[in-house]
Every structure is written in C-alpha cells, then in structure tokens.
Amino acid sequence: MSRNCDLVDITVQILRHGDNSMLVTDGDIEDWVPYSLLGEDSEVDETSDEGDTGDIYLPQWKAEEIGFV
C-alpha cells in the first residue's frame, strides 16, 4: 500500500504537549500529532504554547487517518 506524501494545511489549536506529539483540535476533531510528521512551514510546533492556534502541514495520509480531511 503506497502512502500519499503530499502535505495538507490544517488550522489547529494546541491543547496539550506530550514528549513526542501534541494534542490538537481543528474545532471538531481532537488527536495527537507527532512532531516528527509536521512540515517545516508549520506555524505551531513543539516550541509553541498550549492554546496557540496556527496552521500545520501534515502528510495527507496522516490527515486522512485522523479525519482532518
């Protein structure tokens, strides 16, 4: 099974940080996003504060797996 590596842009709010991922919401869905999957142009990441909102870039396969797209 091949995975689509295109990045998709999703606006999220950080709810909580973990060791290797952050809990985010797009307003409908909450899920943990691994820092290792964030695209380099993401506006929020492991250095952002909880409560911050911004765009993240995720591989399309992960965004679909979570239900963001």
C-alpha atoms as a PDB file:
ATOM      1  CA  MET A   1       0.000   0.000   0.000  1.00  0.00           C
ATOM      2  CA  SER A   2       1.527   3.316  -1.008  1.00  0.00           C
ATOM      3  CA  ARG A   3       1.065   6.380   1.142  1.00  0.00           C
ATOM      4  CA  ASN A   4       0.469   9.818  -0.283  1.00  0.00           C
ATOM      5  CA  CYS A   5       3.281  12.103   0.914  1.00  0.00           C
ATOM      6  CA  ASP A   6       1.651  15.347  -0.189  1.00  0.00           C
ATOM      7  CA  LEU A   7       1.317  17.815   2.664  1.00  0.00           C
ATOM      8  CA  VAL A   8      -2.037  19.299   3.614  1.00  0.00           C
ATOM      9  CA  ASP A   9      -2.590  22.531   5.536  1.00  0.00           C
ATOM     10  CA  ILE A  10      -4.804  22.330   8.624  1.00  0.00           C
ATOM     11  CA  THR A  11      -5.568  25.103  11.117  1.00  0.00           C
ATOM     12  CA  VAL A  12      -5.401  23.751  14.662  1.00  0.00           C
ATOM     13  CA  GLN A  13      -5.227  24.828  18.279  1.00  0.00           C
ATOM     14  CA  ILE A  14      -2.738  23.157  20.612  1.00  0.00           C
ATOM     15  CA  LEU A  15      -4.476  21.623  23.620  1.00  0.00           C
ATOM     16  CA  ARG A  16      -1.531  19.846  25.228  1.00  0.00           C
ATOM     17  CA  HIS A  17       2.079  18.843  24.608  1.00  0.00           C
ATOM     18  CA  GLY A  18       3.475  15.357  25.072  1.00  0.00           C
ATOM     19  CA  ASP A  19       7.024  14.048  24.785  1.00  0.00           C
ATOM     20  CA  ASN A  20       6.804  13.282  21.060  1.00  0.00           C
ATOM     21  CA  SER A  21       3.494  14.764  19.966  1.00  0.00           C
ATOM     22  CA  MET A  22       0.914  17.433  20.638  1.00  0.00           C
ATOM     23  CA  LEU A  23      -2.825  17.143  21.171  1.00  0.00           C
ATOM     24  CA  VAL A  24      -4.549  19.447  18.717  1.00  0.00           C
ATOM     25  CA  THR A  25      -8.074  20.268  17.630  1.00  0.00           C
ATOM     26  CA  ASP A  26      -9.440  21.692  14.406  1.00  0.00           C
ATOM     27  CA  GLY A  27     -12.651  22.616  16.208  1.00  0.00           C
ATOM     28  CA  ASP A  28     -14.298  19.256  15.525  1.00  0.00           C
ATOM     29  CA  ILE A  29     -11.647  16.586  15.989  1.00  0.00           C
ATOM     30  CA  GLU A  30      -9.008  16.191  18.708  1.00  0.00           C
ATOM     31  CA  ASP A  31      -5.999  13.936  18.154  1.00  0.00           C
ATOM     32  CA  TRP A  32      -2.314  13.592  18.866  1.00  0.00           C
ATOM     33  CA  VAL A  33       0.009  14.723  16.069  1.00  0.00           C
ATOM     34  CA  PRO A  34       3.637  13.537  16.185  1.00  0.00           C
ATOM     35  CA  TYR A  35       6.148  16.370  15.974  1.00  0.00           C
ATOM     36  CA  SER A  36       8.140  14.252  13.525  1.00  0.00           C
ATOM     37  CA  LEU A  37       5.341  14.491  10.944  1.00  0.00           C
ATOM     38  CA  LEU A  38       4.998  18.288  10.988  1.00  0.00           C
ATOM     39  CA  GLY A  39       6.108  20.039   7.824  1.00  0.00           C
ATOM     40  CA  GLU A  40       8.851  22.616   8.235  1.00  0.00           C
ATOM     41  CA  ASP A  41       6.490  25.501   7.385  1.00  0.00           C
ATOM     42  CA  SER A  42       4.080  24.662  10.220  1.00  0.00           C
ATOM     43  CA  GLU A  43       3.170  27.720  12.297  1.00  0.00           C
ATOM     44  CA  VAL A  44       2.744  25.774  15.552  1.00  0.00           C
ATOM     45  CA  ASP A  45       5.024  23.021  16.818  1.00  0.00           C
ATOM     46  CA  GLU A  46       6.750  21.718  19.958  1.00  0.00           C
ATOM     47  CA  THR A  47       8.016  25.243  20.747  1.00  0.00           C
ATOM     48  CA  SER A  48       4.514  26.782  20.691  1.00  0.00           C
ATOM     49  CA  ASP A  49       2.438  27.359  23.798  1.00  0.00           C
ATOM     50  CA  GLU A  50      -0.673  25.401  24.692  1.00  0.00           C
ATOM     51  CA  GLY A  51      -3.657  27.397  23.442  1.00  0.00           C
ATOM     52  CA  ASP A  52      -1.791  28.729  20.391  1.00  0.00           C
ATOM     53  CA  THR A  53      -3.573  28.462  17.050  1.00  0.00           C
ATOM     54  CA  GLY A  54      -1.934  28.173  13.654  1.00  0.00           C
ATOM     55  CA  ASP A  55      -1.512  26.133  10.524  1.00  0.00           C
ATOM     56  CA  ILE A  56       0.261  22.791  10.495  1.00  0.00           C
ATOM     57  CA  TYR A  57       1.358  20.830   7.459  1.00  0.00           C
ATOM     58  CA  LEU A  58       0.833  17.086   7.709  1.00  0.00           C
ATOM     59  CA  PRO A  59       1.256  14.263   5.221  1.00  0.00           C
ATOM     60  CA  GLN A  60      -2.097  13.700   3.549  1.00  0.00           C
ATOM     61  CA  TRP A  61      -2.227  10.073   4.712  1.00  0.00           C
ATOM     62  CA  LYS A  62      -1.953  11.163   8.371  1.00  0.00           C
ATOM     63  CA  ALA A  63      -4.512  13.944   7.984  1.00  0.00           C
ATOM     64  CA  GLU A  64      -6.910  11.412   6.451  1.00  0.00           C
ATOM     65  CA  GLU A  65      -6.143   8.842   9.166  1.00  0.00           C
ATOM     66  CA  ILE A  66      -7.030  11.405  11.859  1.00  0.00           C
ATOM     67  CA  GLY A  67     -10.092  12.645   9.954  1.00  0.00           C
ATOM     68  CA  PHE A  68      -8.943  16.213   9.356  1.00  0.00           C
ATOM     69  CA  VAL A  69      -9.622  15.779   5.617  1.00  0.00           C
END
